[in-house]
Amino acid sequence: MRSFFLKFLLVLALLFAQQGSVLHGIAHTLAEQSQDQSLPHDQQCELCAAYAQVGSAVGSSSIQFDLTASFAETHSNLAVALQSSTFAAFAARAPPYSA
């Protein structure tokens, strides 16, 4: 029960943090439209920096495939002796031989 409660609490915390991030972004957009000003380039909004961590809560590492490693492996070709015989699928269903 405690594990379920903890997981549920973490889900709610992430949900509310993401909602706060969206509302903060909307507040920035409305402020820029009304005043036509923004922060100078050398200053940052502290809430934007805090909400940036919430935006990538799961992790955003890139996936890289190393294709050269799979082609670099040496594959040994095994020689298999194959004796082919005539396949007669019709022999079992042929009509009886009458002389």
PDB file of N, CA and C in Angstrom:
ATOM      1  N   MET A   1       0.828  -1.188   0.000  1.00  0.00           N
ATOM      2  CA  MET A   1       0.000   0.000   0.000  1.00  0.00           C
ATOM      3  C   MET A   1       0.871   1.250   0.000  1.00  0.00           C
ATOM      4  N   ARG A   2       1.962   1.192   0.744  1.00  0.00           N
ATOM      5  CA  ARG A   2       2.842   2.351   0.827  1.00  0.00           C
ATOM      6  C   ARG A   2       3.514   2.607  -0.520  1.00  0.00           C
ATOM      7  N   SER A   3       3.903   1.545  -1.206  1.00  0.00           N
ATOM      8  CA  SER A   3       4.536   1.679  -2.513  1.00  0.00           C
ATOM      9  C   SER A   3       3.560   2.299  -3.512  1.00  0.00           C
ATOM     10  N   PHE A   4       2.309   1.866  -3.490  1.00  0.00           N
ATOM     11  CA  PHE A   4       1.300   2.426  -4.377  1.00  0.00           C
ATOM     12  C   PHE A   4       1.087   3.906  -4.083  1.00  0.00           C
ATOM     13  N   PHE A   5       1.014   4.260  -2.812  1.00  0.00           N
ATOM     14  CA  PHE A   5       0.810   5.654  -2.427  1.00  0.00           C
ATOM     15  C   PHE A   5       1.981   6.521  -2.882  1.00  0.00           C
ATOM     16  N   LEU A   6       3.192   6.019  -2.746  1.00  0.00           N
ATOM     17  CA  LEU A   6       4.370   6.769  -3.169  1.00  0.00           C
ATOM     18  C   LEU A   6       4.379   6.970  -4.684  1.00  0.00           C
ATOM     19  N   LYS A   7       4.052   5.920  -5.426  1.00  0.00           N
ATOM     20  CA  LYS A   7       3.998   6.045  -6.888  1.00  0.00           C
ATOM     21  C   LYS A   7       2.913   7.022  -7.315  1.00  0.00           C
ATOM     22  N   PHE A   8       1.763   6.951  -6.680  1.00  0.00           N
ATOM     23  CA  PHE A   8       0.669   7.856  -6.999  1.00  0.00           C
ATOM     24  C   PHE A   8       1.037   9.298  -6.674  1.00  0.00           C
ATOM     25  N   LEU A   9       1.733   9.511  -5.578  1.00  0.00           N
ATOM     26  CA  LEU A   9       2.175  10.849  -5.199  1.00  0.00           C
ATOM     27  C   LEU A   9       3.182  11.402  -6.201  1.00  0.00           C
ATOM     28  N   LEU A  10       4.086  10.568  -6.685  1.00  0.00           N
ATOM     29  CA  LEU A  10       5.055  11.011  -7.687  1.00  0.00           C
ATOM     30  C   LEU A  10       4.380  11.353  -9.012  1.00  0.00           C
ATOM     31  N   VAL A  11       3.373  10.579  -9.387  1.00  0.00           N
ATOM     32  CA  VAL A  11       2.632  10.878 -10.616  1.00  0.00           C
ATOM     33  C   VAL A  11       1.924  12.218 -10.494  1.00  0.00           C
ATOM     34  N   LEU A  12       1.285  12.452  -9.368  1.00  0.00           N
ATOM     35  CA  LEU A  12       0.601  13.735  -9.163  1.00  0.00           C
ATOM     36  C   LEU A  12       1.581  14.901  -9.124  1.00  0.00           C
ATOM     37  N   ALA A  13       2.737  14.706  -8.497  1.00  0.00           N
ATOM     38  CA  ALA A  13       3.738  15.773  -8.442  1.00  0.00           C
ATOM     39  C   ALA A  13       4.237  16.117  -9.838  1.00  0.00           C
ATOM     40  N   LEU A  14       4.477  15.111 -10.669  1.00  0.00           N
ATOM     41  CA  LEU A  14       4.918  15.365 -12.037  1.00  0.00           C
ATOM     42  C   LEU A  14       3.826  16.060 -12.836  1.00  0.00           C
ATOM     43  N   LEU A  15       2.581  15.645 -12.646  1.00  0.00           N
ATOM     44  CA  LEU A  15       1.465  16.260 -13.350  1.00  0.00           C
ATOM     45  C   LEU A  15       1.335  17.736 -12.993  1.00  0.00           C
ATOM     46  N   PHE A  16       1.389  18.058 -11.707  1.00  0.00           N
ATOM     47  CA  PHE A  16       1.253  19.452 -11.292  1.00  0.00           C
ATOM     48  C   PHE A  16       2.466  20.284 -11.696  1.00  0.00           C
ATOM     49  N   ALA A  17       3.645  19.693 -11.697  1.00  0.00           N
ATOM     50  CA  ALA A  17       4.836  20.424 -12.137  1.00  0.00           C
ATOM     51  C   ALA A  17       4.751  20.739 -13.625  1.00  0.00           C
ATOM     52  N   GLN A  18       4.244  19.803 -14.422  1.00  0.00           N
ATOM     53  CA  GLN A  18       4.092  20.061 -15.849  1.00  0.00           C
ATOM     54  C   GLN A  18       3.018  21.111 -16.101  1.00  0.00           C
ATOM     55  N   GLN A  19       1.957  21.090 -15.320  1.00  0.00           N
ATOM     56  CA  GLN A  19       0.929  22.122 -15.445  1.00  0.00           C
ATOM     57  C   GLN A  19       1.497  23.497 -15.101  1.00  0.00           C
ATOM     58  N   GLY A  20       2.318  23.562 -14.063  1.00  0.00           N
ATOM     59  CA  GLY A  20       2.959  24.825 -13.699  1.00  0.00           C
ATOM     60  C   GLY A  20       3.883  25.322 -14.788  1.00  0.00           C
ATOM     61  N   SER A  21       4.569  24.403 -15.446  1.00  0.00           N
ATOM     62  CA  SER A  21       5.465  24.775 -16.538  1.00  0.00           C
ATOM     63  C   SER A  21       4.686  25.383 -17.700  1.00  0.00           C
ATOM     64  N   VAL A  22       3.566  24.780 -18.043  1.00  0.00           N
ATOM     65  CA  VAL A  22       2.741  25.300 -19.137  1.00  0.00           C
ATOM     66  C   VAL A  22       2.174  26.665 -18.777  1.00  0.00           C
ATOM     67  N   LEU A  23       1.675  26.806 -17.565  1.00  0.00           N
ATOM     68  CA  LEU A  23       1.120  28.095 -17.145  1.00  0.00           C
ATOM     69  C   LEU A  23       2.191  29.177 -17.101  1.00  0.00           C
ATOM     70  N   HIS A  24       3.401  28.826 -16.707  1.00  0.00           N
ATOM     71  CA  HIS A  24       4.493  29.796 -16.684  1.00  0.00           C
ATOM     72  C   HIS A  24       4.856  30.224 -18.108  1.00  0.00           C
ATOM     73  N   GLY A  25       4.848  29.283 -19.034  1.00  0.00           N
ATOM     74  CA  GLY A  25       5.113  29.624 -20.437  1.00  0.00           C
ATOM     75  C   GLY A  25       4.039  30.536 -21.006  1.00  0.00           C
ATOM     76  N   ILE A  26       2.779  30.274 -20.643  1.00  0.00           N
ATOM     77  CA  ILE A  26       1.687  31.139 -21.092  1.00  0.00           C
ATOM     78  C   ILE A  26       1.844  32.531 -20.507  1.00  0.00           C
ATOM     79  N   ALA A  27       2.265  32.623 -19.249  1.00  0.00           N
ATOM     80  CA  ALA A  27       2.476  33.933 -18.626  1.00  0.00           C
ATOM     81  C   ALA A  27       3.569  34.710 -19.354  1.00  0.00           C
ATOM     82  N   HIS A  28       4.633  34.021 -19.770  1.00  0.00           N
ATOM     83  CA  HIS A  28       5.684  34.691 -20.546  1.00  0.00           C
ATOM     84  C   HIS A  28       5.139  35.200 -21.877  1.00  0.00           C
ATOM     85  N   THR A  29       4.338  34.392 -22.535  1.00  0.00           N
ATOM     86  CA  THR A  29       3.788  34.781 -23.836  1.00  0.00           C
ATOM     87  C   THR A  29       2.872  35.984 -23.697  1.00  0.00           C
ATOM     88  N   LEU A  30       2.015  35.983 -22.688  1.00  0.00           N
ATOM     89  CA  LEU A  30       1.114  37.117 -22.485  1.00  0.00           C
ATOM     90  C   LEU A  30       1.876  38.378 -22.110  1.00  0.00           C
ATOM     91  N   ALA A  31       2.931  38.237 -21.307  1.00  0.00           N
ATOM     92  CA  ALA A  31       3.726  39.406 -20.921  1.00  0.00           C
ATOM     93  C   ALA A  31       4.467  39.984 -22.123  1.00  0.00           C
ATOM     94  N   GLU A  32       4.962  39.143 -23.005  1.00  0.00           N
ATOM     95  CA  GLU A  32       5.664  39.632 -24.191  1.00  0.00           C
ATOM     96  C   GLU A  32       4.708  40.322 -25.149  1.00  0.00           C
ATOM     97  N   GLN A  33       3.471  39.839 -25.239  1.00  0.00           N
ATOM     98  CA  GLN A  33       2.506  40.454 -26.142  1.00  0.00           C
ATOM     99  C   GLN A  33       2.045  41.808 -25.627  1.00  0.00           C
ATOM    100  N   SER A  34       1.901  41.946 -24.319  1.00  0.00           N
ATOM    101  CA  SER A  34       1.378  43.197 -23.779  1.00  0.00           C
ATOM    102  C   SER A  34       2.449  44.274 -23.665  1.00  0.00           C
ATOM    103  N   GLN A  35       3.686  43.922 -23.283  1.00  0.00           N
ATOM    104  CA  GLN A  35       4.724  44.925 -23.072  1.00  0.00           C
ATOM    105  C   GLN A  35       5.710  45.008 -24.225  1.00  0.00           C
ATOM    106  N   ASP A  36       5.756  43.994 -25.042  1.00  0.00           N
ATOM    107  CA  ASP A  36       6.702  43.921 -26.154  1.00  0.00           C
ATOM    108  C   ASP A  36       8.143  44.037 -25.662  1.00  0.00           C
ATOM    109  N   GLN A  37       8.408  43.489 -24.483  1.00  0.00           N
ATOM    110  CA  GLN A  37       9.758  43.474 -23.922  1.00  0.00           C
ATOM    111  C   GLN A  37      10.059  42.063 -23.429  1.00  0.00           C
ATOM    112  N   SER A  38      11.323  41.760 -23.349  1.00  0.00           N
ATOM    113  CA  SER A  38      11.739  40.488 -22.780  1.00  0.00           C
ATOM    114  C   SER A  38      12.996  40.719 -21.963  1.00  0.00           C
ATOM    115  N   LEU A  39      13.436  39.690 -21.279  1.00  0.00           N
ATOM    116  CA  LEU A  39      14.658  39.807 -20.486  1.00  0.00           C
ATOM    117  C   LEU A  39      15.859  39.992 -21.403  1.00  0.00           C
ATOM    118  N   PRO A  40      16.867  40.710 -20.930  1.00  0.00           N
ATOM    119  CA  PRO A  40      18.100  40.801 -21.722  1.00  0.00           C
ATOM    120  C   PRO A  40      18.727  39.422 -21.885  1.00  0.00           C
ATOM    121  N   HIS A  41      19.622  39.300 -22.860  1.00  0.00           N
ATOM    122  CA  HIS A  41      20.206  37.999 -23.164  1.00  0.00           C
ATOM    123  C   HIS A  41      21.100  37.475 -22.047  1.00  0.00           C
ATOM    124  N   ASP A  42      21.625  38.341 -21.203  1.00  0.00           N
ATOM    125  CA  ASP A  42      22.512  37.870 -20.141  1.00  0.00           C
ATOM    126  C   ASP A  42      21.754  37.468 -18.878  1.00  0.00           C
ATOM    127  N   GLN A  43      20.449  37.649 -18.825  1.00  0.00           N
ATOM    128  CA  GLN A  43      19.650  37.254 -17.669  1.00  0.00           C
ATOM    129  C   GLN A  43      18.704  36.122 -18.062  1.00  0.00           C
ATOM    130  N   GLN A  44      18.413  35.285 -17.080  1.00  0.00           N
ATOM    131  CA  GLN A  44      17.513  34.160 -17.326  1.00  0.00           C
ATOM    132  C   GLN A  44      16.405  34.160 -16.287  1.00  0.00           C
ATOM    133  N   CYS A  45      15.283  33.635 -16.669  1.00  0.00           N
ATOM    134  CA  CYS A  45      14.184  33.454 -15.727  1.00  0.00           C
ATOM    135  C   CYS A  45      14.482  32.202 -14.900  1.00  0.00           C
ATOM    136  N   GLU A  46      14.467  32.341 -13.575  1.00  0.00           N
ATOM    137  CA  GLU A  46      14.802  31.202 -12.721  1.00  0.00           C
ATOM    138  C   GLU A  46      13.753  30.091 -12.797  1.00  0.00           C
ATOM    139  N   LEU A  47      12.490  30.467 -12.952  1.00  0.00           N
ATOM    140  CA  LEU A  47      11.457  29.438 -13.058  1.00  0.00           C
ATOM    141  C   LEU A  47      11.582  28.652 -14.359  1.00  0.00           C
ATOM    142  N   CYS A  48      11.994  29.338 -15.432  1.00  0.00           N
ATOM    143  CA  CYS A  48      12.192  28.618 -16.704  1.00  0.00           C
ATOM    144  C   CYS A  48      13.307  27.584 -16.558  1.00  0.00           C
ATOM    145  N   ALA A  49      14.362  27.949 -15.856  1.00  0.00           N
ATOM    146  CA  ALA A  49      15.465  27.005 -15.643  1.00  0.00           C
ATOM    147  C   ALA A  49      15.020  25.834 -14.767  1.00  0.00           C
ATOM    148  N   ALA A  50      14.160  26.108 -13.777  1.00  0.00           N
ATOM    149  CA  ALA A  50      13.672  25.033 -12.910  1.00  0.00           C
ATOM    150  C   ALA A  50      12.712  24.115 -13.661  1.00  0.00           C
ATOM    151  N   TYR A  51      11.838  24.704 -14.468  1.00  0.00           N
ATOM    152  CA  TYR A  51      10.879  23.892 -15.212  1.00  0.00           C
ATOM    153  C   TYR A  51      11.527  23.145 -16.369  1.00  0.00           C
ATOM    154  N   ALA A  52      12.698  23.552 -16.801  1.00  0.00           N
ATOM    155  CA  ALA A  52      13.400  22.824 -17.861  1.00  0.00           C
ATOM    156  C   ALA A  52      13.774  21.426 -17.392  1.00  0.00           C
ATOM    157  N   GLN A  53      14.048  21.262 -16.116  1.00  0.00           N
ATOM    158  CA  GLN A  53      14.359  19.942 -15.573  1.00  0.00           C
ATOM    159  C   GLN A  53      13.117  19.048 -15.548  1.00  0.00           C
ATOM    160  N   VAL A  54      11.949  19.637 -15.360  1.00  0.00           N
ATOM    161  CA  VAL A  54      10.710  18.863 -15.333  1.00  0.00           C
ATOM    162  C   VAL A  54      10.348  18.399 -16.740  1.00  0.00           C
ATOM    163  N   GLY A  55      10.687  19.205 -17.739  1.00  0.00           N
ATOM    164  CA  GLY A  55      10.362  18.853 -19.114  1.00  0.00           C
ATOM    165  C   GLY A  55      11.065  17.607 -19.583  1.00  0.00           C
ATOM    166  N   SER A  56      12.179  17.289 -18.975  1.00  0.00           N
ATOM    167  CA  SER A  56      12.912  16.085 -19.362  1.00  0.00           C
ATOM    168  C   SER A  56      13.047  15.151 -18.165  1.00  0.00           C
ATOM    169  N   ALA A  57      11.933  14.912 -17.487  1.00  0.00           N
ATOM    170  CA  ALA A  57      11.972  14.093 -16.278  1.00  0.00           C
ATOM    171  C   ALA A  57      12.314  12.640 -16.573  1.00  0.00           C
ATOM    172  N   VAL A  58      11.884  12.143 -17.705  1.00  0.00           N
ATOM    173  CA  VAL A  58      12.136  10.743 -18.029  1.00  0.00           C
ATOM    174  C   VAL A  58      13.568  10.556 -18.490  1.00  0.00           C
ATOM    175  N   GLY A  59      14.107  11.514 -19.159  1.00  0.00           N
ATOM    176  CA  GLY A  59      15.456  11.422 -19.695  1.00  0.00           C
ATOM    177  C   GLY A  59      15.419  11.628 -21.192  1.00  0.00           C
ATOM    178  N   SER A  60      16.370  12.351 -21.681  1.00  0.00           N
ATOM    179  CA  SER A  60      16.361  12.656 -23.105  1.00  0.00           C
ATOM    180  C   SER A  60      17.710  12.354 -23.738  1.00  0.00           C
ATOM    181  N   SER A  61      18.310  11.270 -23.351  1.00  0.00           N
ATOM    182  CA  SER A  61      19.582  10.912 -23.961  1.00  0.00           C
ATOM    183  C   SER A  61      19.319  10.350 -25.352  1.00  0.00           C
ATOM    184  N   SER A  62      20.195  10.663 -26.251  1.00  0.00           N
ATOM    185  CA  SER A  62      20.001  10.210 -27.623  1.00  0.00           C
ATOM    186  C   SER A  62      20.421   8.750 -27.763  1.00  0.00           C
ATOM    187  N   ILE A  63      19.783   8.074 -28.667  1.00  0.00           N
ATOM    188  CA  ILE A  63      20.088   6.672 -28.929  1.00  0.00           C
ATOM    189  C   ILE A  63      21.012   6.616 -30.127  1.00  0.00           C
ATOM    190  N   GLN A  64      22.113   5.905 -29.977  1.00  0.00           N
ATOM    191  CA  GLN A  64      23.073   5.784 -31.060  1.00  0.00           C
ATOM    192  C   GLN A  64      23.257   4.306 -31.380  1.00  0.00           C
ATOM    193  N   PHE A  65      23.233   4.005 -32.658  1.00  0.00           N
ATOM    194  CA  PHE A  65      23.441   2.644 -33.114  1.00  0.00           C
ATOM    195  C   PHE A  65      24.821   2.547 -33.739  1.00  0.00           C
ATOM    196  N   ASP A  66      25.586   1.568 -33.322  1.00  0.00           N
ATOM    197  CA  ASP A  66      26.915   1.348 -33.879  1.00  0.00           C
ATOM    198  C   ASP A  66      26.794   0.272 -34.952  1.00  0.00           C
ATOM    199  N   LEU A  67      26.584   0.725 -36.178  1.00  0.00           N
ATOM    200  CA  LEU A  67      26.367  -0.220 -37.264  1.00  0.00           C
ATOM    201  C   LEU A  67      27.653  -0.906 -37.702  1.00  0.00           C
ATOM    202  N   THR A  68      28.796  -0.260 -37.488  1.00  0.00           N
ATOM    203  CA  THR A  68      30.050  -0.865 -37.933  1.00  0.00           C
ATOM    204  C   THR A  68      30.418  -2.074 -37.084  1.00  0.00           C
ATOM    205  N   ALA A  69      29.971  -2.117 -35.845  1.00  0.00           N
ATOM    206  CA  ALA A  69      30.308  -3.247 -34.975  1.00  0.00           C
ATOM    207  C   ALA A  69      29.621  -4.527 -35.454  1.00  0.00           C
ATOM    208  N   SER A  70      28.419  -4.402 -35.974  1.00  0.00           N
ATOM    209  CA  SER A  70      27.726  -5.610 -36.412  1.00  0.00           C
ATOM    210  C   SER A  70      28.315  -6.149 -37.712  1.00  0.00           C
ATOM    211  N   PHE A  71      28.890  -5.280 -38.551  1.00  0.00           N
ATOM    212  CA  PHE A  71      29.483  -5.746 -39.799  1.00  0.00           C
ATOM    213  C   PHE A  71      30.921  -6.206 -39.615  1.00  0.00           C
ATOM    214  N   ALA A  72      31.538  -5.807 -38.523  1.00  0.00           N
ATOM    215  CA  ALA A  72      32.931  -6.163 -38.300  1.00  0.00           C
ATOM    216  C   ALA A  72      33.089  -7.601 -37.818  1.00  0.00           C
ATOM    217  N   GLU A  73      32.038  -8.204 -37.328  1.00  0.00           N
ATOM    218  CA  GLU A  73      32.123  -9.575 -36.842  1.00  0.00           C
ATOM    219  C   GLU A  73      32.395 -10.519 -38.010  1.00  0.00           C
ATOM    220  N   THR A  74      33.213 -11.492 -37.744  1.00  0.00           N
ATOM    221  CA  THR A  74      33.491 -12.476 -38.792  1.00  0.00           C
ATOM    222  C   THR A  74      32.527 -13.639 -38.641  1.00  0.00           C
ATOM    223  N   HIS A  75      31.951 -14.008 -39.712  1.00  0.00           N
ATOM    224  CA  HIS A  75      31.027 -15.136 -39.714  1.00  0.00           C
ATOM    225  C   HIS A  75      31.700 -16.289 -40.439  1.00  0.00           C
ATOM    226  N   SER A  76      31.712 -17.431 -39.808  1.00  0.00           N
ATOM    227  CA  SER A  76      32.322 -18.596 -40.448  1.00  0.00           C
ATOM    228  C   SER A  76      31.271 -19.284 -41.309  1.00  0.00           C
ATOM    229  N   ASN A  77      31.660 -19.591 -42.496  1.00  0.00           N
ATOM    230  CA  ASN A  77      30.759 -20.294 -43.405  1.00  0.00           C
ATOM    231  C   ASN A  77      30.978 -21.786 -43.244  1.00  0.00           C
ATOM    232  N   LEU A  78      29.995 -22.452 -42.761  1.00  0.00           N
ATOM    233  CA  LEU A  78      30.085 -23.891 -42.576  1.00  0.00           C
ATOM    234  C   LEU A  78      29.641 -24.579 -43.861  1.00  0.00           C
ATOM    235  N   ALA A  79      30.491 -25.452 -44.342  1.00  0.00           N
ATOM    236  CA  ALA A  79      30.142 -26.212 -45.541  1.00  0.00           C
ATOM    237  C   ALA A  79      29.300 -27.402 -45.123  1.00  0.00           C
ATOM    238  N   VAL A  80      28.125 -27.472 -45.639  1.00  0.00           N
ATOM    239  CA  VAL A  80      27.212 -28.553 -45.305  1.00  0.00           C
ATOM    240  C   VAL A  80      27.018 -29.394 -46.555  1.00  0.00           C
ATOM    241  N   ALA A  81      27.261 -30.681 -46.422  1.00  0.00           N
ATOM    242  CA  ALA A  81      27.059 -31.583 -47.552  1.00  0.00           C
ATOM    243  C   ALA A  81      25.575 -31.876 -47.661  1.00  0.00           C
ATOM    244  N   LEU A  82      25.018 -31.557 -48.795  1.00  0.00           N
ATOM    245  CA  LEU A  82      23.595 -31.747 -49.005  1.00  0.00           C
ATOM    246  C   LEU A  82      23.399 -32.785 -50.095  1.00  0.00           C
ATOM    247  N   GLN A  83      22.787 -33.849 -49.739  1.00  0.00           N
ATOM    248  CA  GLN A  83      22.488 -34.890 -50.720  1.00  0.00           C
ATOM    249  C   GLN A  83      21.031 -34.735 -51.118  1.00  0.00           C
ATOM    250  N   SER A  84      20.840 -34.357 -52.345  1.00  0.00           N
ATOM    251  CA  SER A  84      19.469 -34.159 -52.790  1.00  0.00           C
ATOM    252  C   SER A  84      18.925 -35.446 -53.378  1.00  0.00           C
ATOM    253  N   SER A  85      17.738 -35.734 -53.048  1.00  0.00           N
ATOM    254  CA  SER A  85      17.058 -36.882 -53.638  1.00  0.00           C
ATOM    255  C   SER A  85      15.832 -36.356 -54.370  1.00  0.00           C
ATOM    256  N   THR A  86      15.381 -37.106 -55.294  1.00  0.00           N
ATOM    257  CA  THR A  86      14.228 -36.678 -56.070  1.00  0.00           C
ATOM    258  C   THR A  86      13.002 -36.689 -55.165  1.00  0.00           C
ATOM    259  N   PHE A  87      12.361 -35.575 -55.138  1.00  0.00           N
ATOM    260  CA  PHE A  87      11.168 -35.438 -54.308  1.00  0.00           C
ATOM    261  C   PHE A  87       9.964 -35.836 -55.152  1.00  0.00           C
ATOM    262  N   ALA A  88       9.322 -36.876 -54.751  1.00  0.00           N
ATOM    263  CA  ALA A  88       8.178 -37.379 -55.510  1.00  0.00           C
ATOM    264  C   ALA A  88       6.923 -37.226 -54.672  1.00  0.00           C
ATOM    265  N   ALA A  89       6.330 -36.066 -54.730  1.00  0.00           N
ATOM    266  CA  ALA A  89       5.127 -35.813 -53.958  1.00  0.00           C
ATOM    267  C   ALA A  89       3.947 -36.588 -54.507  1.00  0.00           C
ATOM    268  N   PHE A  90       3.992 -36.900 -55.768  1.00  0.00           N
ATOM    269  CA  PHE A  90       2.875 -37.597 -56.404  1.00  0.00           C
ATOM    270  C   PHE A  90       2.866 -39.090 -56.135  1.00  0.00           C
ATOM    271  N   ALA A  91       3.953 -39.676 -55.677  1.00  0.00           N
ATOM    272  CA  ALA A  91       4.058 -41.129 -55.534  1.00  0.00           C
ATOM    273  C   ALA A  91       3.065 -41.673 -54.510  1.00  0.00           C
ATOM    274  N   ALA A  92       2.770 -40.965 -53.474  1.00  0.00           N
ATOM    275  CA  ALA A  92       1.877 -41.469 -52.448  1.00  0.00           C
ATOM    276  C   ALA A  92       0.433 -41.465 -52.925  1.00  0.00           C
ATOM    277  N   ARG A  93       0.067 -40.614 -53.838  1.00  0.00           N
ATOM    278  CA  ARG A  93      -1.317 -40.501 -54.271  1.00  0.00           C
ATOM    279  C   ARG A  93      -1.535 -41.036 -55.694  1.00  0.00           C
ATOM    280  N   ALA A  94      -0.561 -41.718 -56.211  1.00  0.00           N
ATOM    281  CA  ALA A  94      -0.711 -42.241 -57.574  1.00  0.00           C
ATOM    282  C   ALA A  94      -1.733 -43.375 -57.603  1.00  0.00           C
ATOM    283  N   PRO A  95      -2.406 -43.526 -58.705  1.00  0.00           N
ATOM    284  CA  PRO A  95      -3.360 -44.641 -58.796  1.00  0.00           C
ATOM    285  C   PRO A  95      -2.618 -45.975 -58.819  1.00  0.00           C
ATOM    286  N   PRO A  96      -3.265 -47.025 -58.438  1.00  0.00           N
ATOM    287  CA  PRO A  96      -2.598 -48.337 -58.418  1.00  0.00           C
ATOM    288  C   PRO A  96      -2.178 -48.755 -59.830  1.00  0.00           C
ATOM    289  N   TYR A  97      -1.089 -49.480 -59.860  1.00  0.00           N
ATOM    290  CA  TYR A  97      -0.539 -49.930 -61.141  1.00  0.00           C
ATOM    291  C   TYR A  97      -1.299 -51.172 -61.583  1.00  0.00           C
ATOM    292  N   SER A  98      -1.881 -51.110 -62.732  1.00  0.00           N
ATOM    293  CA  SER A  98      -2.590 -52.291 -63.244  1.00  0.00           C
ATOM    294  C   SER A  98      -1.927 -52.758 -64.535  1.00  0.00           C
ATOM    295  N   ALA A  99      -1.675 -54.040 -64.633  1.00  0.00           N
ATOM    296  CA  ALA A  99      -0.990 -54.563 -65.822  1.00  0.00           C
ATOM    297  C   ALA A  99      -1.884 -55.378 -66.674  1.00  0.00           C
TER     298      ALA A  99
END
